[in-house]
């Protein structure tokens, strides 16, 4: 989960200012957490306290304004509780806690769908959340990158055979799961460390904070640790309420970082 938050913070600077390389400062002085982090923490809170997703998303979202998409913001500030059939990236960027909290493929897929469907009940929105959560689960339980690639591409139909070099020249900002999740997973697959996973995702020049959030979440599960200096820089930018949820989540579910 912290890997997702770090990816969000690092990528925040490049969300609307694409940079097609990996040689950028990891923590710009303009870096900040965005809606990806707020809702990642919200999902973790739901899993810790066994509370309602709708109420929790609205509570955290209203308390921490952080650049929400227009459809989510309209839903969040309204009294509506029903979903709005979205297939946007939001379901995939907030799901990482699910991949760390559950201990079977069936449980991970079920809870990923639950976390998505309260807003993103379109099949592609659900699929994006399930793909990310399952990739995290596989990574943390010892699957190789080849095994993760095969399972995700077979189960969800994502084309993970492309390379970053092939994708990068023609890729641009995309808001849908189907156009962002596969590329984010490829960024992780081609990396050799947690940091390079995040850098790869940003370098594609798309929805940089969300894509780095997704790649970072899988990379944390795969590489097991995140460099301490990266953690400390990210934590310094987070509200105390977020830090409390993160620490409680890791203590409950035995995740190290």
C-alpha atoms as a PDB file:
ATOM      1  CA  UNK A   1       0.000   0.000   0.000  1.00  0.00           C
ATOM      2  CA  UNK A   2       2.792   2.447   0.793  1.00  0.00           C
ATOM      3  CA  UNK A   3       4.288   1.606  -2.595  1.00  0.00           C
ATOM      4  CA  UNK A   4       1.105   2.870  -4.220  1.00  0.00           C
ATOM      5  CA  UNK A   5       1.213   6.092  -2.206  1.00  0.00           C
ATOM      6  CA  UNK A   6       4.841   6.739  -3.091  1.00  0.00           C
ATOM      7  CA  UNK A   7       4.069   6.187  -6.766  1.00  0.00           C
ATOM      8  CA  UNK A   8       1.199   8.652  -6.516  1.00  0.00           C
ATOM      9  CA  UNK A   9       3.364  11.327  -4.894  1.00  0.00           C
ATOM     10  CA  UNK A  10       6.233  10.874  -7.348  1.00  0.00           C
ATOM     11  CA  UNK A  11       3.912  10.884 -10.352  1.00  0.00           C
ATOM     12  CA  UNK A  12       1.817  13.842  -9.198  1.00  0.00           C
ATOM     13  CA  UNK A  13       4.214  16.338 -10.776  1.00  0.00           C
ATOM     14  CA  UNK A  14       3.892  14.722 -14.218  1.00  0.00           C
ATOM     15  CA  UNK A  15       0.164  13.949 -14.375  1.00  0.00           C
ATOM     16  CA  UNK A  16      -0.474  16.828 -16.781  1.00  0.00           C
ATOM     17  CA  UNK A  17       3.149  17.509 -17.732  1.00  0.00           C
ATOM     18  CA  UNK A  18       4.330  14.366 -19.487  1.00  0.00           C
ATOM     19  CA  UNK A  19       8.001  13.474 -19.254  1.00  0.00           C
ATOM     20  CA  UNK A  20       9.046  10.662 -21.567  1.00  0.00           C
ATOM     21  CA  UNK A  21      12.143   9.484 -19.721  1.00  0.00           C
ATOM     22  CA  UNK A  22      13.168   8.033 -16.378  1.00  0.00           C
ATOM     23  CA  UNK A  23      15.818  10.576 -15.342  1.00  0.00           C
ATOM     24  CA  UNK A  24      13.593  12.946 -13.338  1.00  0.00           C
ATOM     25  CA  UNK A  25      14.018  13.945  -9.663  1.00  0.00           C
ATOM     26  CA  UNK A  26      12.143  11.334  -7.661  1.00  0.00           C
ATOM     27  CA  UNK A  27      10.678  13.885  -5.226  1.00  0.00           C
ATOM     28  CA  UNK A  28      10.161  17.265  -6.810  1.00  0.00           C
ATOM     29  CA  UNK A  29       9.395  20.190  -4.502  1.00  0.00           C
ATOM     30  CA  UNK A  30       5.977  20.217  -6.203  1.00  0.00           C
ATOM     31  CA  UNK A  31       5.245  16.590  -5.339  1.00  0.00           C
ATOM     32  CA  UNK A  32       2.125  15.920  -3.290  1.00  0.00           C
ATOM     33  CA  UNK A  33      -0.364  13.173  -2.599  1.00  0.00           C
ATOM     34  CA  UNK A  34      -3.508  13.119  -4.741  1.00  0.00           C
ATOM     35  CA  UNK A  35      -6.863  11.347  -4.804  1.00  0.00           C
ATOM     36  CA  UNK A  36      -5.015   8.069  -5.426  1.00  0.00           C
ATOM     37  CA  UNK A  37      -3.506   8.230  -1.950  1.00  0.00           C
ATOM     38  CA  UNK A  38      -6.674   9.420  -0.227  1.00  0.00           C
ATOM     39  CA  UNK A  39      -8.735   6.557  -1.619  1.00  0.00           C
ATOM     40  CA  UNK A  40      -5.966   3.995  -1.102  1.00  0.00           C
ATOM     41  CA  UNK A  41      -6.035   4.912   2.582  1.00  0.00           C
ATOM     42  CA  UNK A  42      -9.836   4.792   2.523  1.00  0.00           C
ATOM     43  CA  UNK A  43      -9.834   1.201   1.238  1.00  0.00           C
ATOM     44  CA  UNK A  44      -7.342   0.204   3.926  1.00  0.00           C
ATOM     45  CA  UNK A  45      -9.590   1.810   6.540  1.00  0.00           C
ATOM     46  CA  UNK A  46     -12.566  -0.217   5.295  1.00  0.00           C
ATOM     47  CA  UNK A  47     -10.593  -3.445   5.597  1.00  0.00           C
ATOM     48  CA  UNK A  48      -9.385  -2.560   9.092  1.00  0.00           C
ATOM     49  CA  UNK A  49     -12.718  -1.450  10.520  1.00  0.00           C
ATOM     50  CA  UNK A  50     -15.172  -3.499   8.424  1.00  0.00           C
ATOM     51  CA  UNK A  51     -17.133  -0.378   7.528  1.00  0.00           C
ATOM     52  CA  UNK A  52     -19.022   0.682   4.424  1.00  0.00           C
ATOM     53  CA  UNK A  53     -17.103   1.624   1.271  1.00  0.00           C
ATOM     54  CA  UNK A  54     -19.523   4.361   0.220  1.00  0.00           C
ATOM     55  CA  UNK A  55     -19.497   6.111   3.590  1.00  0.00           C
ATOM     56  CA  UNK A  56     -15.722   5.809   3.869  1.00  0.00           C
ATOM     57  CA  UNK A  57     -14.979   7.130   0.377  1.00  0.00           C
ATOM     58  CA  UNK A  58     -17.240  10.090   0.979  1.00  0.00           C
ATOM     59  CA  UNK A  59     -15.712  10.784   4.412  1.00  0.00           C
ATOM     60  CA  UNK A  60     -12.082  10.721   3.279  1.00  0.00           C
ATOM     61  CA  UNK A  61     -12.797  12.397  -0.043  1.00  0.00           C
ATOM     62  CA  UNK A  62     -14.670  15.323   1.452  1.00  0.00           C
ATOM     63  CA  UNK A  63     -12.125  15.770   4.235  1.00  0.00           C
ATOM     64  CA  UNK A  64      -9.092  15.714   1.921  1.00  0.00           C
ATOM     65  CA  UNK A  65      -9.689  17.578  -1.387  1.00  0.00           C
ATOM     66  CA  UNK A  66      -7.094  16.154  -3.743  1.00  0.00           C
ATOM     67  CA  UNK A  67      -7.973  16.529  -7.406  1.00  0.00           C
ATOM     68  CA  UNK A  68     -10.766  14.017  -7.908  1.00  0.00           C
ATOM     69  CA  UNK A  69     -12.152  13.220 -11.310  1.00  0.00           C
ATOM     70  CA  UNK A  70     -15.350  15.093 -12.156  1.00  0.00           C
ATOM     71  CA  UNK A  71     -17.656  12.063 -12.024  1.00  0.00           C
ATOM     72  CA  UNK A  72     -16.268  10.850  -8.718  1.00  0.00           C
ATOM     73  CA  UNK A  73     -16.380  14.353  -7.233  1.00  0.00           C
ATOM     74  CA  UNK A  74     -20.008  14.791  -8.266  1.00  0.00           C
ATOM     75  CA  UNK A  75     -20.868  11.424  -6.659  1.00  0.00           C
ATOM     76  CA  UNK A  76     -18.774  12.135  -3.554  1.00  0.00           C
ATOM     77  CA  UNK A  77     -20.408  15.461  -2.739  1.00  0.00           C
ATOM     78  CA  UNK A  78     -23.914  14.231  -3.500  1.00  0.00           C
ATOM     79  CA  UNK A  79     -26.254  12.114  -1.391  1.00  0.00           C
ATOM     80  CA  UNK A  80     -26.172   9.368  -4.013  1.00  0.00           C
ATOM     81  CA  UNK A  81     -25.048   5.910  -2.963  1.00  0.00           C
ATOM     82  CA  UNK A  82     -25.455   4.021  -6.224  1.00  0.00           C
ATOM     83  CA  UNK A  83     -22.496   3.547  -8.623  1.00  0.00           C
ATOM     84  CA  UNK A  84     -22.165   5.398 -11.917  1.00  0.00           C
ATOM     85  CA  UNK A  85     -20.828   2.697 -14.261  1.00  0.00           C
ATOM     86  CA  UNK A  86     -17.306   4.091 -14.490  1.00  0.00           C
ATOM     87  CA  UNK A  87     -14.400   2.283 -16.132  1.00  0.00           C
ATOM     88  CA  UNK A  88     -11.921   4.988 -15.114  1.00  0.00           C
ATOM     89  CA  UNK A  89      -8.591   4.406 -13.422  1.00  0.00           C
ATOM     90  CA  UNK A  90      -9.963   5.119  -9.951  1.00  0.00           C
ATOM     91  CA  UNK A  91     -10.909   1.536  -9.159  1.00  0.00           C
ATOM     92  CA  UNK A  92      -7.402   0.268  -9.961  1.00  0.00           C
ATOM     93  CA  UNK A  93      -5.411   2.994  -8.234  1.00  0.00           C
ATOM     94  CA  UNK A  94      -7.132   2.579  -4.848  1.00  0.00           C
ATOM     95  CA  UNK A  95      -7.187  -1.236  -4.593  1.00  0.00           C
ATOM     96  CA  UNK A  96      -3.692  -2.107  -3.357  1.00  0.00           C
ATOM     97  CA  UNK A  97      -4.659  -2.842   0.257  1.00  0.00           C
ATOM     98  CA  UNK A  98      -6.866  -5.682  -0.989  1.00  0.00           C
ATOM     99  CA  UNK A  99      -3.892  -7.442  -2.570  1.00  0.00           C
ATOM    100  CA  UNK A 100      -2.032  -7.345   0.738  1.00  0.00           C
ATOM    101  CA  UNK A 101      -4.916  -8.207   3.093  1.00  0.00           C
ATOM    102  CA  UNK A 102      -6.321 -11.452   1.683  1.00  0.00           C
ATOM    103  CA  UNK A 103      -4.846 -14.903   1.362  1.00  0.00           C
ATOM    104  CA  UNK A 104      -6.441 -16.570  -1.625  1.00  0.00           C
ATOM    105  CA  UNK A 105      -7.101 -15.691  -5.241  1.00  0.00           C
ATOM    106  CA  UNK A 106     -10.852 -16.001  -4.714  1.00  0.00           C
ATOM    107  CA  UNK A 107     -10.852 -13.626  -1.737  1.00  0.00           C
ATOM    108  CA  UNK A 108      -8.697 -11.070  -3.528  1.00  0.00           C
ATOM    109  CA  UNK A 109     -10.885 -11.059  -6.628  1.00  0.00           C
ATOM    110  CA  UNK A 110     -14.088 -10.861  -4.576  1.00  0.00           C
ATOM    111  CA  UNK A 111     -12.937  -7.943  -2.439  1.00  0.00           C
ATOM    112  CA  UNK A 112     -11.368  -6.107  -5.367  1.00  0.00           C
ATOM    113  CA  UNK A 113     -14.757  -6.216  -7.080  1.00  0.00           C
ATOM    114  CA  UNK A 114     -16.487  -4.976  -3.912  1.00  0.00           C
ATOM    115  CA  UNK A 115     -14.079  -2.052  -3.604  1.00  0.00           C
ATOM    116  CA  UNK A 116     -14.560  -1.123  -7.265  1.00  0.00           C
ATOM    117  CA  UNK A 117     -18.269  -1.659  -7.753  1.00  0.00           C
ATOM    118  CA  UNK A 118     -19.488   1.030  -5.358  1.00  0.00           C
ATOM    119  CA  UNK A 119     -18.527   3.534  -8.063  1.00  0.00           C
ATOM    120  CA  UNK A 120     -16.790   1.708 -10.918  1.00  0.00           C
ATOM    121  CA  UNK A 121     -19.304  -1.042 -11.678  1.00  0.00           C
ATOM    122  CA  UNK A 122     -18.537  -1.159 -15.398  1.00  0.00           C
ATOM    123  CA  UNK A 123     -16.910  -4.524 -16.269  1.00  0.00           C
ATOM    124  CA  UNK A 124     -13.664  -2.788 -17.246  1.00  0.00           C
ATOM    125  CA  UNK A 125     -13.594  -0.874 -13.953  1.00  0.00           C
ATOM    126  CA  UNK A 126     -13.991  -4.091 -12.009  1.00  0.00           C
ATOM    127  CA  UNK A 127     -11.454  -5.894 -14.183  1.00  0.00           C
ATOM    128  CA  UNK A 128      -8.846  -3.188 -13.652  1.00  0.00           C
ATOM    129  CA  UNK A 129      -9.174  -3.384  -9.873  1.00  0.00           C
ATOM    130  CA  UNK A 130      -9.066  -7.177  -9.893  1.00  0.00           C
ATOM    131  CA  UNK A 131      -5.999  -7.269 -12.146  1.00  0.00           C
ATOM    132  CA  UNK A 132      -3.992  -4.942  -9.917  1.00  0.00           C
ATOM    133  CA  UNK A 133      -5.060  -6.651  -6.692  1.00  0.00           C
ATOM    134  CA  UNK A 134      -4.281 -10.088  -8.094  1.00  0.00           C
ATOM    135  CA  UNK A 135      -0.876  -8.974  -9.394  1.00  0.00           C
ATOM    136  CA  UNK A 136      -0.059  -7.715  -5.886  1.00  0.00           C
ATOM    137  CA  UNK A 137      -1.241 -10.953  -4.298  1.00  0.00           C
ATOM    138  CA  UNK A 138       0.803 -13.064  -6.721  1.00  0.00           C
ATOM    139  CA  UNK A 139       3.875 -10.888  -6.236  1.00  0.00           C
ATOM    140  CA  UNK A 140       3.741 -11.030  -2.440  1.00  0.00           C
ATOM    141  CA  UNK A 141       3.201 -14.790  -2.417  1.00  0.00           C
ATOM    142  CA  UNK A 142       6.309 -15.542  -4.458  1.00  0.00           C
ATOM    143  CA  UNK A 143       5.219 -15.650  -8.088  1.00  0.00           C
ATOM    144  CA  UNK A 144       7.855 -14.769 -10.660  1.00  0.00           C
ATOM    145  CA  UNK A 145       7.362 -11.920 -13.096  1.00  0.00           C
ATOM    146  CA  UNK A 146       6.807 -14.461 -15.865  1.00  0.00           C
ATOM    147  CA  UNK A 147       4.086 -16.137 -13.806  1.00  0.00           C
ATOM    148  CA  UNK A 148       2.424 -12.807 -12.980  1.00  0.00           C
ATOM    149  CA  UNK A 149       2.512 -11.798 -16.640  1.00  0.00           C
ATOM    150  CA  UNK A 150       0.971 -15.079 -17.775  1.00  0.00           C
ATOM    151  CA  UNK A 151      -1.762 -15.142 -15.135  1.00  0.00           C
ATOM    152  CA  UNK A 152      -2.858 -11.530 -15.594  1.00  0.00           C
ATOM    153  CA  UNK A 153      -2.800 -11.618 -19.387  1.00  0.00           C
ATOM    154  CA  UNK A 154      -4.627 -14.963 -19.528  1.00  0.00           C
ATOM    155  CA  UNK A 155      -7.269 -14.159 -16.922  1.00  0.00           C
ATOM    156  CA  UNK A 156      -8.008 -10.574 -17.968  1.00  0.00           C
ATOM    157  CA  UNK A 157      -7.056 -10.477 -21.635  1.00  0.00           C
ATOM    158  CA  UNK A 158      -4.535  -7.657 -21.211  1.00  0.00           C
ATOM    159  CA  UNK A 159      -1.736  -7.449 -23.777  1.00  0.00           C
ATOM    160  CA  UNK A 160       1.398  -7.571 -21.646  1.00  0.00           C
ATOM    161  CA  UNK A 161       3.686  -8.678 -24.495  1.00  0.00           C
ATOM    162  CA  UNK A 162       4.469  -5.099 -25.508  1.00  0.00           C
ATOM    163  CA  UNK A 163       7.579  -3.283 -24.290  1.00  0.00           C
ATOM    164  CA  UNK A 164       7.900   0.186 -22.807  1.00  0.00           C
ATOM    165  CA  UNK A 165      10.004   1.176 -25.790  1.00  0.00           C
ATOM    166  CA  UNK A 166       7.130   0.229 -28.091  1.00  0.00           C
ATOM    167  CA  UNK A 167       4.453   1.920 -25.972  1.00  0.00           C
ATOM    168  CA  UNK A 168       6.161   5.171 -24.966  1.00  0.00           C
ATOM    169  CA  UNK A 169       6.422   7.098 -28.277  1.00  0.00           C
ATOM    170  CA  UNK A 170       2.693   7.046 -29.033  1.00  0.00           C
ATOM    171  CA  UNK A 171       1.209   6.847 -25.548  1.00  0.00           C
ATOM    172  CA  UNK A 172      -0.612   9.754 -23.919  1.00  0.00           C
ATOM    173  CA  UNK A 173      -2.902  10.556 -20.994  1.00  0.00           C
ATOM    174  CA  UNK A 174      -5.631   7.899 -20.669  1.00  0.00           C
ATOM    175  CA  UNK A 175      -8.354   7.795 -18.039  1.00  0.00           C
ATOM    176  CA  UNK A 176      -9.660   4.256 -18.511  1.00  0.00           C
ATOM    177  CA  UNK A 177      -8.546   1.088 -16.768  1.00  0.00           C
ATOM    178  CA  UNK A 178      -8.222  -0.788 -20.043  1.00  0.00           C
ATOM    179  CA  UNK A 179      -5.802   1.816 -21.398  1.00  0.00           C
ATOM    180  CA  UNK A 180      -3.756   2.351 -18.223  1.00  0.00           C
ATOM    181  CA  UNK A 181      -3.626  -0.813 -16.120  1.00  0.00           C
ATOM    182  CA  UNK A 182      -1.824  -3.031 -18.672  1.00  0.00           C
ATOM    183  CA  UNK A 183       0.800  -0.356 -19.314  1.00  0.00           C
ATOM    184  CA  UNK A 184       1.327   0.141 -15.580  1.00  0.00           C
ATOM    185  CA  UNK A 185       1.860  -3.588 -15.091  1.00  0.00           C
ATOM    186  CA  UNK A 186       4.361  -3.612 -17.964  1.00  0.00           C
ATOM    187  CA  UNK A 187       6.239  -0.783 -16.217  1.00  0.00           C
ATOM    188  CA  UNK A 188       6.619  -3.093 -13.216  1.00  0.00           C
ATOM    189  CA  UNK A 189       7.517  -6.131 -15.323  1.00  0.00           C
ATOM    190  CA  UNK A 190      10.397  -4.315 -17.041  1.00  0.00           C
ATOM    191  CA  UNK A 191      11.825  -2.855 -13.831  1.00  0.00           C
ATOM    192  CA  UNK A 192      14.684  -4.148 -11.712  1.00  0.00           C
ATOM    193  CA  UNK A 193      13.752  -2.404  -8.446  1.00  0.00           C
ATOM    194  CA  UNK A 194      10.932  -0.629  -6.662  1.00  0.00           C
ATOM    195  CA  UNK A 195      12.214   2.759  -7.779  1.00  0.00           C
ATOM    196  CA  UNK A 196      12.640   1.793 -11.412  1.00  0.00           C
ATOM    197  CA  UNK A 197       9.053   0.475 -11.479  1.00  0.00           C
ATOM    198  CA  UNK A 198       7.789   3.919 -10.481  1.00  0.00           C
ATOM    199  CA  UNK A 199      10.132   5.689 -12.893  1.00  0.00           C
ATOM    200  CA  UNK A 200       9.074   3.407 -15.764  1.00  0.00           C
ATOM    201  CA  UNK A 201       5.406   4.166 -15.165  1.00  0.00           C
ATOM    202  CA  UNK A 202       5.918   7.921 -15.083  1.00  0.00           C
ATOM    203  CA  UNK A 203       8.069   7.806 -18.209  1.00  0.00           C
ATOM    204  CA  UNK A 204       5.188   6.582 -20.365  1.00  0.00           C
ATOM    205  CA  UNK A 205       3.692  10.059 -20.247  1.00  0.00           C
ATOM    206  CA  UNK A 206       0.163   9.022 -19.332  1.00  0.00           C
ATOM    207  CA  UNK A 207      -1.836   9.439 -16.128  1.00  0.00           C
ATOM    208  CA  UNK A 208       1.475   9.515 -14.308  1.00  0.00           C
ATOM    209  CA  UNK A 209       0.404   9.544 -10.666  1.00  0.00           C
ATOM    210  CA  UNK A 210      -2.117   6.739 -11.125  1.00  0.00           C
ATOM    211  CA  UNK A 211       0.175   4.612 -13.278  1.00  0.00           C
ATOM    212  CA  UNK A 212       3.081   5.022 -10.859  1.00  0.00           C
ATOM    213  CA  UNK A 213       0.666   4.249  -8.028  1.00  0.00           C
ATOM    214  CA  UNK A 214      -0.286   0.946  -9.678  1.00  0.00           C
ATOM    215  CA  UNK A 215       3.269  -0.013 -10.647  1.00  0.00           C
ATOM    216  CA  UNK A 216       4.553   0.970  -7.200  1.00  0.00           C
ATOM    217  CA  UNK A 217       1.950  -1.125  -5.429  1.00  0.00           C
ATOM    218  CA  UNK A 218       2.918  -4.274  -7.334  1.00  0.00           C
ATOM    219  CA  UNK A 219       6.628  -3.503  -6.977  1.00  0.00           C
ATOM    220  CA  UNK A 220       6.354  -3.217  -3.195  1.00  0.00           C
ATOM    221  CA  UNK A 221       4.756  -6.655  -3.063  1.00  0.00           C
ATOM    222  CA  UNK A 222       7.386  -8.156  -5.364  1.00  0.00           C
ATOM    223  CA  UNK A 223      10.567  -6.585  -3.984  1.00  0.00           C
ATOM    224  CA  UNK A 224       9.296  -6.742  -0.352  1.00  0.00           C
ATOM    225  CA  UNK A 225      11.066  -3.590   0.809  1.00  0.00           C
ATOM    226  CA  UNK A 226      11.227   0.064  -0.172  1.00  0.00           C
ATOM    227  CA  UNK A 227      14.387   2.102   0.458  1.00  0.00           C
ATOM    228  CA  UNK A 228      14.117   3.915   3.790  1.00  0.00           C
ATOM    229  CA  UNK A 229      14.972   7.324   2.347  1.00  0.00           C
ATOM    230  CA  UNK A 230      12.100   7.030  -0.136  1.00  0.00           C
ATOM    231  CA  UNK A 231       9.682   6.083   2.638  1.00  0.00           C
ATOM    232  CA  UNK A 232      10.743   8.983   4.837  1.00  0.00           C
ATOM    233  CA  UNK A 233      10.323  11.540   2.051  1.00  0.00           C
ATOM    234  CA  UNK A 234       6.851  10.269   1.266  1.00  0.00           C
ATOM    235  CA  UNK A 235       5.713  10.030   4.885  1.00  0.00           C
ATOM    236  CA  UNK A 236       6.730  13.642   5.469  1.00  0.00           C
ATOM    237  CA  UNK A 237       4.031  14.690   2.973  1.00  0.00           C
ATOM    238  CA  UNK A 238       1.169  12.690   4.511  1.00  0.00           C
ATOM    239  CA  UNK A 239      -1.414  13.725   7.121  1.00  0.00           C
ATOM    240  CA  UNK A 240      -1.186  12.011  10.492  1.00  0.00           C
ATOM    241  CA  UNK A 241      -4.522  10.295   9.908  1.00  0.00           C
ATOM    242  CA  UNK A 242      -3.104   8.580   6.815  1.00  0.00           C
ATOM    243  CA  UNK A 243       0.038   7.493   8.642  1.00  0.00           C
ATOM    244  CA  UNK A 244      -2.045   6.018  11.447  1.00  0.00           C
ATOM    245  CA  UNK A 245      -4.114   3.958   9.006  1.00  0.00           C
ATOM    246  CA  UNK A 246      -1.005   2.760   7.144  1.00  0.00           C
ATOM    247  CA  UNK A 247       0.742   1.642  10.340  1.00  0.00           C
ATOM    248  CA  UNK A 248      -2.355  -0.033  11.714  1.00  0.00           C
ATOM    249  CA  UNK A 249      -2.896  -1.832   8.408  1.00  0.00           C
ATOM    250  CA  UNK A 250       0.657  -3.130   8.298  1.00  0.00           C
ATOM    251  CA  UNK A 251       0.521  -4.265  11.903  1.00  0.00           C
ATOM    252  CA  UNK A 252      -2.785  -6.097  11.344  1.00  0.00           C
ATOM    253  CA  UNK A 253      -1.865  -7.797   8.102  1.00  0.00           C
ATOM    254  CA  UNK A 254       1.818  -8.428   8.723  1.00  0.00           C
ATOM    255  CA  UNK A 255       3.141  -6.380   5.830  1.00  0.00           C
ATOM    256  CA  UNK A 256       6.709  -5.155   6.148  1.00  0.00           C
ATOM    257  CA  UNK A 257       8.184  -2.129   4.419  1.00  0.00           C
END
